[in-house]
PDB file of N, CA and C in Angstrom:
ATOM      1  N   MET A   1     -34.103 -49.277  54.438  1.00  0.00           N
ATOM      2  CA  MET A   1     -32.983 -49.103  54.997  1.00  0.00           C
ATOM      3  C   MET A   1     -31.950 -49.242  53.791  1.00  0.00           C
ATOM      4  N   ALA A   2     -30.699 -48.547  54.151  1.00  0.00           N
ATOM      5  CA  ALA A   2     -29.382 -48.696  53.268  1.00  0.00           C
ATOM      6  C   ALA A   2     -28.872 -50.018  53.119  1.00  0.00           C
ATOM      7  N   GLN A   3     -28.660 -50.358  52.412  1.00  0.00           N
ATOM      8  CA  GLN A   3     -27.922 -51.873  52.055  1.00  0.00           C
ATOM      9  C   GLN A   3     -26.346 -51.520  51.735  1.00  0.00           C
ATOM     10  N   PRO A   4     -25.547 -52.245  52.421  1.00  0.00           N
ATOM     11  CA  PRO A   4     -24.058 -51.988  51.907  1.00  0.00           C
ATOM     12  C   PRO A   4     -23.775 -52.364  50.334  1.00  0.00           C
ATOM     13  N   HIS A   5     -22.971 -51.604  49.691  1.00  0.00           N
ATOM     14  CA  HIS A   5     -22.689 -51.999  48.112  1.00  0.00           C
ATOM     15  C   HIS A   5     -21.207 -52.202  48.166  1.00  0.00           C
ATOM     16  N   GLY A   6     -20.415 -51.563  49.123  1.00  0.00           N
ATOM     17  CA  GLY A   6     -18.929 -51.678  48.965  1.00  0.00           C
ATOM     18  C   GLY A   6     -18.166 -50.508  49.631  1.00  0.00           C
ATOM     19  N   TRP A   7     -17.064 -50.620  49.727  1.00  0.00           N
ATOM     20  CA  TRP A   7     -16.070 -49.332  50.349  1.00  0.00           C
ATOM     21  C   TRP A   7     -14.703 -49.476  49.585  1.00  0.00           C
ATOM     22  N   ILE A   8     -14.224 -48.302  49.883  1.00  0.00           N
ATOM     23  CA  ILE A   8     -13.300 -47.883  49.266  1.00  0.00           C
ATOM     24  C   ILE A   8     -12.099 -47.450  50.196  1.00  0.00           C
ATOM     25  N   ASP A   9     -10.962 -48.138  50.407  1.00  0.00           N
ATOM     26  CA  ASP A   9      -9.755 -47.861  51.324  1.00  0.00           C
ATOM     27  C   ASP A   9      -9.169 -46.601  50.634  1.00  0.00           C
ATOM     28  N   CYS A  10      -9.079 -45.576  51.778  1.00  0.00           N
ATOM     29  CA  CYS A  10      -8.410 -44.164  51.481  1.00  0.00           C
ATOM     30  C   CYS A  10      -7.825 -43.855  52.775  1.00  0.00           C
ATOM     31  N   HIS A  11      -7.192 -42.421  52.979  1.00  0.00           N
ATOM     32  CA  HIS A  11      -6.191 -42.112  53.942  1.00  0.00           C
ATOM     33  C   HIS A  11      -6.854 -40.791  53.948  1.00  0.00           C
ATOM     34  N   ASP A  12      -6.801 -40.082  55.460  1.00  0.00           N
ATOM     35  CA  ASP A  12      -6.980 -38.992  55.758  1.00  0.00           C
ATOM     36  C   ASP A  12      -5.827 -38.072  55.272  1.00  0.00           C
ATOM     37  N   PRO A  13      -5.756 -36.707  55.449  1.00  0.00           N
ATOM     38  CA  PRO A  13      -4.521 -35.561  55.188  1.00  0.00           C
ATOM     39  C   PRO A  13      -3.579 -35.951  56.029  1.00  0.00           C
ATOM     40  N   PHE A  14      -3.506 -36.675  56.997  1.00  0.00           N
ATOM     41  CA  PHE A  14      -2.623 -37.178  57.953  1.00  0.00           C
ATOM     42  C   PHE A  14      -2.142 -38.651  57.688  1.00  0.00           C
ATOM     43  N   GLY A  15      -2.557 -39.225  56.603  1.00  0.00           N
ATOM     44  CA  GLY A  15      -1.844 -40.594  56.402  1.00  0.00           C
ATOM     45  C   GLY A  15      -2.443 -41.481  57.002  1.00  0.00           C
ATOM     46  N   ARG A  16      -3.483 -41.588  57.747  1.00  0.00           N
ATOM     47  CA  ARG A  16      -4.109 -42.578  58.721  1.00  0.00           C
ATOM     48  C   ARG A  16      -5.119 -43.127  57.859  1.00  0.00           C
ATOM     49  N   ASP A  17      -5.235 -44.589  57.775  1.00  0.00           N
ATOM     50  CA  ASP A  17      -6.167 -45.481  57.478  1.00  0.00           C
ATOM     51  C   ASP A  17      -7.591 -44.998  57.426  1.00  0.00           C
ATOM     52  N   ARG A  18      -8.618 -44.945  56.219  1.00  0.00           N
ATOM     53  CA  ARG A  18      -9.721 -44.723  56.332  1.00  0.00           C
ATOM     54  C   ARG A  18     -10.515 -45.129  55.168  1.00  0.00           C
ATOM     55  N   SER A  19     -11.787 -45.247  55.292  1.00  0.00           N
ATOM     56  CA  SER A  19     -12.397 -45.852  54.059  1.00  0.00           C
ATOM     57  C   SER A  19     -13.955 -44.980  53.952  1.00  0.00           C
ATOM     58  N   MET A  20     -14.223 -45.093  52.836  1.00  0.00           N
ATOM     59  CA  MET A  20     -15.421 -44.482  52.168  1.00  0.00           C
ATOM     60  C   MET A  20     -16.475 -45.756  52.048  1.00  0.00           C
ATOM     61  N   THR A  21     -17.485 -45.600  52.148  1.00  0.00           N
ATOM     62  CA  THR A  21     -18.573 -46.572  52.091  1.00  0.00           C
ATOM     63  C   THR A  21     -19.730 -46.118  51.193  1.00  0.00           C
ATOM     64  N   VAL A  22     -19.938 -47.137  50.158  1.00  0.00           N
ATOM     65  CA  VAL A  22     -21.178 -46.844  49.335  1.00  0.00           C
ATOM     66  C   VAL A  22     -22.310 -47.740  49.634  1.00  0.00           C
ATOM     67  N   LEU A  23     -23.625 -47.127  49.905  1.00  0.00           N
ATOM     68  CA  LEU A  23     -24.723 -47.797  50.375  1.00  0.00           C
ATOM     69  C   LEU A  23     -25.895 -47.318  49.435  1.00  0.00           C
ATOM     70  N   VAL A  24     -26.592 -48.322  49.128  1.00  0.00           N
ATOM     71  CA  VAL A  24     -27.904 -48.335  48.316  1.00  0.00           C
ATOM     72  C   VAL A  24     -29.231 -48.185  49.148  1.00  0.00           C
ATOM     73  N   ALA A  25     -29.993 -47.454  48.911  1.00  0.00           N
ATOM     74  CA  ALA A  25     -31.335 -47.274  49.807  1.00  0.00           C
ATOM     75  C   ALA A  25     -32.450 -46.900  48.698  1.00  0.00           C
ATOM     76  N   ASP A  26     -33.332 -47.765  48.593  1.00  0.00           N
ATOM     77  CA  ASP A  26     -34.085 -47.602  47.568  1.00  0.00           C
ATOM     78  C   ASP A  26     -33.778 -47.021  46.309  1.00  0.00           C
ATOM     79  N   ASP A  27     -33.965 -45.825  45.869  1.00  0.00           N
ATOM     80  CA  ASP A  27     -33.734 -45.067  44.789  1.00  0.00           C
ATOM     81  C   ASP A  27     -32.467 -43.971  44.999  1.00  0.00           C
ATOM     82  N   ARG A  28     -31.965 -44.328  45.906  1.00  0.00           N
ATOM     83  CA  ARG A  28     -30.754 -43.370  46.125  1.00  0.00           C
ATOM     84  C   ARG A  28     -29.401 -44.075  46.527  1.00  0.00           C
ATOM     85  N   VAL A  29     -28.492 -43.266  46.059  1.00  0.00           N
ATOM     86  CA  VAL A  29     -26.789 -43.922  46.419  1.00  0.00           C
ATOM     87  C   VAL A  29     -26.382 -43.048  47.509  1.00  0.00           C
ATOM     88  N   LEU A  30     -25.774 -43.823  48.240  1.00  0.00           N
ATOM     89  CA  LEU A  30     -25.264 -42.698  49.785  1.00  0.00           C
ATOM     90  C   LEU A  30     -23.693 -43.135  49.591  1.00  0.00           C
ATOM     91  N   LEU A  31     -22.802 -41.918  49.747  1.00  0.00           N
ATOM     92  CA  LEU A  31     -21.426 -42.022  50.114  1.00  0.00           C
ATOM     93  C   LEU A  31     -21.197 -41.533  51.330  1.00  0.00           C
ATOM     94  N   VAL A  32     -20.615 -42.524  52.332  1.00  0.00           N
ATOM     95  CA  VAL A  32     -20.377 -41.916  53.540  1.00  0.00           C
ATOM     96  C   VAL A  32     -18.648 -41.817  53.502  1.00  0.00           C
ATOM     97  N   ALA A  33     -18.377 -40.759  53.959  1.00  0.00           N
ATOM     98  CA  ALA A  33     -17.145 -40.426  54.125  1.00  0.00           C
ATOM     99  C   ALA A  33     -16.444 -40.338  55.408  1.00  0.00           C
ATOM    100  N   PRO A  34     -15.435 -40.411  55.730  1.00  0.00           N
ATOM    101  CA  PRO A  34     -14.763 -40.647  56.925  1.00  0.00           C
ATOM    102  C   PRO A  34     -15.404 -39.356  57.829  1.00  0.00           C
ATOM    103  N   PRO A  35     -15.758 -39.660  58.967  1.00  0.00           N
ATOM    104  CA  PRO A  35     -16.531 -38.592  59.777  1.00  0.00           C
ATOM    105  C   PRO A  35     -15.572 -37.242  59.995  1.00  0.00           C
ATOM    106  N   GLY A  36     -16.241 -36.145  59.417  1.00  0.00           N
ATOM    107  CA  GLY A  36     -15.428 -34.915  59.933  1.00  0.00           C
ATOM    108  C   GLY A  36     -14.087 -34.527  59.567  1.00  0.00           C
ATOM    109  N   GLU A  37     -13.911 -35.713  58.289  1.00  0.00           N
ATOM    110  CA  GLU A  37     -12.580 -35.552  57.804  1.00  0.00           C
ATOM    111  C   GLU A  37     -12.582 -35.336  56.079  1.00  0.00           C
ATOM    112  N   SER A  38     -11.382 -35.328  55.724  1.00  0.00           N
ATOM    113  CA  SER A  38     -11.488 -35.560  54.098  1.00  0.00           C
ATOM    114  C   SER A  38     -10.819 -36.756  53.853  1.00  0.00           C
ATOM    115  N   ALA A  39     -10.982 -37.322  52.469  1.00  0.00           N
ATOM    116  CA  ALA A  39     -10.656 -38.478  52.078  1.00  0.00           C
ATOM    117  C   ALA A  39      -9.644 -38.263  51.127  1.00  0.00           C
ATOM    118  N   VAL A  40      -8.416 -38.716  51.258  1.00  0.00           N
ATOM    119  CA  VAL A  40      -7.486 -38.806  50.473  1.00  0.00           C
ATOM    120  C   VAL A  40      -7.068 -39.970  49.568  1.00  0.00           C
ATOM    121  N   MET A  41      -7.067 -40.245  48.215  1.00  0.00           N
ATOM    122  CA  MET A  41      -7.265 -41.122  47.381  1.00  0.00           C
ATOM    123  C   MET A  41      -6.403 -41.449  46.283  1.00  0.00           C
ATOM    124  N   SER A  42      -5.893 -42.114  45.931  1.00  0.00           N
ATOM    125  CA  SER A  42      -4.809 -42.528  44.596  1.00  0.00           C
ATOM    126  C   SER A  42      -5.657 -42.462  43.314  1.00  0.00           C
ATOM    127  N   VAL A  43      -5.062 -42.485  42.220  1.00  0.00           N
ATOM    128  CA  VAL A  43      -5.883 -42.612  40.979  1.00  0.00           C
ATOM    129  C   VAL A  43      -6.628 -43.864  41.206  1.00  0.00           C
ATOM    130  N   THR A  44      -5.523 -45.009  41.448  1.00  0.00           N
ATOM    131  CA  THR A  44      -6.371 -46.243  41.463  1.00  0.00           C
ATOM    132  C   THR A  44      -7.681 -46.306  42.560  1.00  0.00           C
ATOM    133  N   GLN A  45      -7.581 -45.612  43.649  1.00  0.00           N
ATOM    134  CA  GLN A  45      -8.810 -45.581  44.520  1.00  0.00           C
ATOM    135  C   GLN A  45      -9.880 -44.890  43.857  1.00  0.00           C
ATOM    136  N   THR A  46      -9.657 -43.761  43.143  1.00  0.00           N
ATOM    137  CA  THR A  46     -10.603 -42.958  42.444  1.00  0.00           C
ATOM    138  C   THR A  46     -11.379 -43.732  41.523  1.00  0.00           C
ATOM    139  N   ARG A  47     -10.725 -44.582  40.580  1.00  0.00           N
ATOM    140  CA  ARG A  47     -11.049 -45.022  39.698  1.00  0.00           C
ATOM    141  C   ARG A  47     -12.146 -46.357  40.024  1.00  0.00           C
ATOM    142  N   ARG A  48     -11.593 -46.876  41.400  1.00  0.00           N
ATOM    143  CA  ARG A  48     -12.468 -47.778  42.088  1.00  0.00           C
ATOM    144  C   ARG A  48     -13.901 -47.475  42.470  1.00  0.00           C
ATOM    145  N   LEU A  49     -13.773 -46.011  43.049  1.00  0.00           N
ATOM    146  CA  LEU A  49     -15.017 -45.647  43.573  1.00  0.00           C
ATOM    147  C   LEU A  49     -15.644 -45.111  42.604  1.00  0.00           C
ATOM    148  N   ARG A  50     -15.321 -44.548  41.337  1.00  0.00           N
ATOM    149  CA  ARG A  50     -16.130 -44.456  40.130  1.00  0.00           C
ATOM    150  C   ARG A  50     -16.974 -45.690  39.559  1.00  0.00           C
ATOM    151  N   ALA A  51     -16.072 -46.905  39.796  1.00  0.00           N
ATOM    152  CA  ALA A  51     -16.773 -48.246  39.273  1.00  0.00           C
ATOM    153  C   ALA A  51     -17.938 -48.533  40.211  1.00  0.00           C
ATOM    154  N   LEU A  52     -17.560 -48.320  41.526  1.00  0.00           N
ATOM    155  CA  LEU A  52     -18.455 -48.947  42.503  1.00  0.00           C
ATOM    156  C   LEU A  52     -19.694 -47.890  42.667  1.00  0.00           C
ATOM    157  N   LEU A  53     -19.471 -46.755  42.330  1.00  0.00           N
ATOM    158  CA  LEU A  53     -20.892 -45.744  42.135  1.00  0.00           C
ATOM    159  C   LEU A  53     -21.619 -46.336  40.930  1.00  0.00           C
ATOM    160  N   GLY A  54     -20.752 -46.333  39.922  1.00  0.00           N
ATOM    161  CA  GLY A  54     -21.725 -46.963  38.682  1.00  0.00           C
ATOM    162  C   GLY A  54     -22.545 -48.368  38.881  1.00  0.00           C
ATOM    163  N   GLN A  55     -21.782 -49.151  39.450  1.00  0.00           N
ATOM    164  CA  GLN A  55     -22.574 -50.388  39.766  1.00  0.00           C
ATOM    165  C   GLN A  55     -23.728 -50.280  40.818  1.00  0.00           C
ATOM    166  N   ALA A  56     -23.532 -49.301  41.919  1.00  0.00           N
ATOM    167  CA  ALA A  56     -24.650 -49.050  42.754  1.00  0.00           C
ATOM    168  C   ALA A  56     -25.830 -48.416  41.837  1.00  0.00           C
ATOM    169  N   ALA A  57     -25.507 -47.367  41.014  1.00  0.00           N
ATOM    170  CA  ALA A  57     -26.275 -47.165  40.188  1.00  0.00           C
ATOM    171  C   ALA A  57     -27.181 -47.785  39.716  1.00  0.00           C
ATOM    172  N   ARG A  58     -26.459 -48.644  38.839  1.00  0.00           N
ATOM    173  CA  ARG A  58     -27.318 -49.631  38.048  1.00  0.00           C
ATOM    174  C   ARG A  58     -28.054 -50.647  38.795  1.00  0.00           C
ATOM    175  N   ARG A  59     -27.977 -50.924  39.977  1.00  0.00           N
ATOM    176  CA  ARG A  59     -28.636 -51.798  40.815  1.00  0.00           C
ATOM    177  C   ARG A  59     -30.223 -51.036  40.932  1.00  0.00           C
ATOM    178  N   MET A  60     -30.256 -49.997  40.847  1.00  0.00           N
ATOM    179  CA  MET A  60     -31.412 -49.347  41.058  1.00  0.00           C
ATOM    180  C   MET A  60     -32.203 -49.121  39.827  1.00  0.00           C
TER     181      MET A  60
END
């Protein structure tokens, strides 16, 4: 079962608030994007996502 590891606030192309979720399940990292949409992130949000994915990978 996937365990939540964290999330990143982002926006869709229309500027609406969304988030991307990082989950860890056994030996896999899952990145859950807004359903049916694109995620628009700032440079700061992108760096946070990179850090969060690195932390999730080190947990395995």
